[in-house]
Amino acid sequence: LEHIHAQNSKGLDSSETRKAWLIETIKDIEKINDLKSEQKFSIIEQINRVIEKNKIDENEFNEIQQNIFKLFGDYELHTIDNLALLSGRHNSKLNNSIFPAKRDIIIELDKNGSFIPICTKNVFLKYFSKNLSQVYFWSQDDRNDYFKDIEEKLVGKYLKNTAEEENN
């Protein structure tokens, strides 16, 4: 199971890996036009202050990472509307990334012929999203649209038919 919206920093256990993650995250944040300038500037400034240190403390990193995740959405993480499927090998590549980085990795894996389940690919391409105003966040609207699609498929095709059969 892959969390669409990142859940934590598990796996970033050295100062070097934390620094690399922060540098990549700055690149993704800079691409986003939907953020207000002051939001962008503020978080990038925080990241740069941390990167400048020789050693990035785990607690300090966790705090700034949570600020970054909140920038991309702050909601319940362990629900079906925030989960997708991937092989273990591919899941580890996406493990600690924010949505736009995960999206780029999924697209690259797909281009290179890796098997990506269609629903997972569609999540990161925002196929289920009714209002595609941005591609850099997994918003609450995106989650709702994704869940509605899951619900329609399950209830409409499988669960409803099972209930009807039991009544007959």
Protein backbone atom coordinates (compact mmCIF):
# COMPACT_ATOMS: atom_id res chain seq x y z
CA LEU A 1 0.00 0.00 0.00
CA GLU A 2 1.28 3.44 -0.92
CA HIS A 3 0.08 6.57 0.82
CA ILE A 4 -0.78 9.09 -1.89
CA HIS A 5 -0.20 12.00 0.45
CA ALA A 6 3.04 11.23 2.29
CA GLN A 7 2.80 9.97 5.82
CA ASN A 8 6.22 10.30 7.46
CA SER A 9 9.98 10.38 7.18
CA LYS A 10 10.58 6.69 7.82
CA GLY A 11 13.75 5.68 6.05
CA LEU A 12 15.40 9.10 6.17
CA ASP A 13 17.73 8.09 8.94
CA SER A 14 20.88 10.03 8.16
CA SER A 15 21.69 13.70 7.84
CA GLU A 16 22.71 13.13 4.20
CA THR A 17 19.42 11.47 3.20
CA ARG A 18 17.41 14.16 5.00
CA LYS A 19 19.37 16.88 3.21
CA ALA A 20 18.87 15.20 -0.18
CA TRP A 21 15.11 14.89 0.47
CA LEU A 22 14.89 18.58 1.39
CA ILE A 23 16.83 19.67 -1.71
CA GLU A 24 14.51 17.63 -3.97
CA THR A 25 11.46 18.97 -2.14
CA ILE A 26 12.55 22.58 -2.77
CA LYS A 27 12.58 21.82 -6.51
CA ASP A 28 9.02 20.48 -6.32
CA ILE A 29 7.78 23.41 -4.26
CA GLU A 30 9.30 25.88 -6.73
CA LYS A 31 7.25 24.30 -9.56
CA ILE A 32 3.94 24.97 -7.83
CA ASN A 33 2.09 28.03 -9.07
CA ASP A 34 -0.92 27.52 -6.80
CA LEU A 35 0.94 28.45 -3.63
CA LYS A 36 0.91 32.04 -2.50
CA SER A 37 4.32 33.66 -2.85
CA GLU A 38 4.69 34.16 0.89
CA GLN A 39 3.89 30.48 1.57
CA LYS A 40 6.48 29.39 -0.97
CA PHE A 41 9.08 31.83 0.29
CA SER A 42 8.49 30.95 3.92
CA ILE A 43 8.82 27.19 3.55
CA ILE A 44 11.79 27.43 1.17
CA GLU A 45 13.48 29.78 3.62
CA GLN A 46 12.89 27.28 6.46
CA ILE A 47 14.28 24.44 4.34
CA ASN A 48 17.37 26.45 3.34
CA ARG A 49 18.12 27.28 6.98
CA VAL A 50 18.06 23.59 7.84
CA ILE A 51 20.09 22.54 4.76
CA GLU A 52 22.87 25.01 5.60
CA LYS A 53 23.65 23.09 8.80
CA ASN A 54 26.35 20.43 8.66
CA LYS A 55 24.17 17.94 10.47
CA ILE A 56 20.38 17.87 10.23
CA ASP A 57 18.91 16.83 13.55
CA GLU A 58 16.11 14.22 13.32
CA ASN A 59 13.67 16.24 15.44
CA GLU A 60 14.30 19.43 13.50
CA PHE A 61 13.89 17.53 10.23
CA ASN A 62 10.64 15.91 11.38
CA GLU A 63 9.25 19.32 12.30
CA ILE A 64 10.06 20.92 8.95
CA GLN A 65 8.86 17.83 7.09
CA GLN A 66 5.51 18.06 8.87
CA ASN A 67 5.30 21.73 7.83
CA ILE A 68 5.93 20.68 4.23
CA PHE A 69 3.30 17.93 4.40
CA LYS A 70 0.79 20.41 5.86
CA LEU A 71 1.49 22.72 2.94
CA PHE A 72 0.35 19.89 0.66
CA GLY A 73 -2.65 18.98 2.78
CA ASP A 74 -3.28 18.05 6.37
CA TYR A 75 -5.84 15.32 6.83
CA GLU A 76 -6.36 11.69 7.81
CA LEU A 77 -3.65 9.62 6.16
CA HIS A 78 -4.69 6.01 6.70
CA THR A 79 -7.98 5.91 4.80
CA ILE A 80 -8.78 4.34 1.43
CA ASP A 81 -9.01 7.75 -0.26
CA ASN A 82 -5.30 8.21 0.43
CA LEU A 83 -4.07 4.76 -0.58
CA ALA A 84 -2.92 3.18 -3.83
CA LEU A 85 -1.21 -0.08 -4.77
CA LEU A 86 2.36 -0.59 -5.95
CA SER A 87 4.93 -3.36 -5.88
CA GLY A 88 7.21 -3.28 -2.85
CA ARG A 89 10.16 -2.28 -5.04
CA HIS A 90 8.30 0.67 -6.56
CA ASN A 91 6.72 1.64 -3.26
CA SER A 92 10.17 2.09 -1.72
CA LYS A 93 11.07 4.56 -4.49
CA LEU A 94 8.08 6.76 -3.58
CA ASN A 95 8.28 6.13 0.15
CA ASN A 96 9.03 9.58 1.56
CA SER A 97 8.17 11.94 -1.27
CA ILE A 98 5.54 14.62 -1.60
CA PHE A 99 2.79 14.24 -4.22
CA PRO A 100 4.50 15.96 -7.19
CA ALA A 101 7.67 13.91 -6.73
CA LYS A 102 5.64 10.70 -6.46
CA ARG A 103 3.73 11.70 -9.60
CA ASP A 104 6.97 12.22 -11.53
CA ILE A 105 8.33 8.85 -10.36
CA ILE A 106 5.12 7.03 -11.34
CA ILE A 107 5.21 8.61 -14.80
CA GLU A 108 8.88 7.69 -15.24
CA LEU A 109 8.31 4.11 -14.09
CA ASP A 110 5.39 3.82 -16.50
CA LYS A 111 7.44 5.22 -19.39
CA ASN A 112 10.13 2.64 -18.66
CA GLY A 113 7.63 -0.22 -18.88
CA SER A 114 7.20 -0.97 -15.18
CA PHE A 115 3.86 -2.41 -14.18
CA ILE A 116 1.85 0.27 -12.40
CA PRO A 117 -1.71 -0.76 -11.49
CA ILE A 118 -4.10 1.31 -13.59
CA CYS A 119 -5.91 2.80 -10.61
CA THR A 120 -2.60 3.87 -9.05
CA LYS A 121 -1.47 5.44 -12.29
CA ASN A 122 -4.83 7.20 -12.59
CA VAL A 123 -4.57 8.58 -9.05
CA PHE A 124 -1.26 10.26 -9.80
CA LEU A 125 -2.53 11.51 -13.16
CA LYS A 126 -5.58 12.93 -11.34
CA TYR A 127 -7.93 10.91 -13.55
CA PHE A 128 -10.61 10.76 -10.85
CA SER A 129 -10.49 14.48 -10.02
CA LYS A 130 -13.53 16.40 -11.25
CA ASN A 131 -11.99 19.85 -10.90
CA LEU A 132 -8.43 19.73 -12.16
CA SER A 133 -7.25 23.15 -11.06
CA GLN A 134 -3.83 21.89 -9.91
CA VAL A 135 -1.70 18.75 -10.18
CA TYR A 136 0.66 19.31 -7.26
CA PHE A 137 -1.54 18.51 -4.26
CA TRP A 138 -3.66 15.53 -3.31
CA SER A 139 -6.49 17.73 -2.08
CA GLN A 140 -9.60 16.87 -0.12
CA ASP A 141 -11.63 17.29 -3.34
CA ASP A 142 -9.32 14.82 -5.11
CA ARG A 143 -9.76 12.39 -2.24
CA ASN A 144 -13.54 12.75 -2.34
CA ASP A 145 -13.66 12.18 -6.10
CA TYR A 146 -11.39 9.13 -5.82
CA PHE A 147 -13.51 7.68 -3.02
CA LYS A 148 -16.73 8.26 -4.98
CA ASP A 149 -15.26 6.31 -7.89
CA ILE A 150 -14.25 3.43 -5.61
CA GLU A 151 -17.68 3.46 -4.01
CA GLU A 152 -19.49 3.47 -7.37
CA LYS A 153 -17.41 0.55 -8.61
CA LEU A 154 -17.79 -1.55 -5.47
CA VAL A 155 -21.34 -0.75 -4.49
CA GLY A 156 -22.65 -0.41 -8.02
CA LYS A 157 -21.17 -3.64 -9.35
CA TYR A 158 -20.41 -5.95 -6.44
CA LEU A 159 -21.92 -5.10 -3.09
CA LYS A 160 -25.33 -4.13 -4.47
CA ASN A 161 -25.60 -7.34 -6.49
CA THR A 162 -24.66 -9.41 -3.45
CA ALA A 163 -27.39 -7.74 -1.38
CA GLU A 164 -29.94 -8.34 -4.14
CA GLU A 165 -28.97 -12.02 -4.39
CA GLU A 166 -29.42 -12.46 -0.63
CA ASN A 167 -32.91 -10.98 -0.85
CA ASN A 168 -33.88 -13.42 -3.63
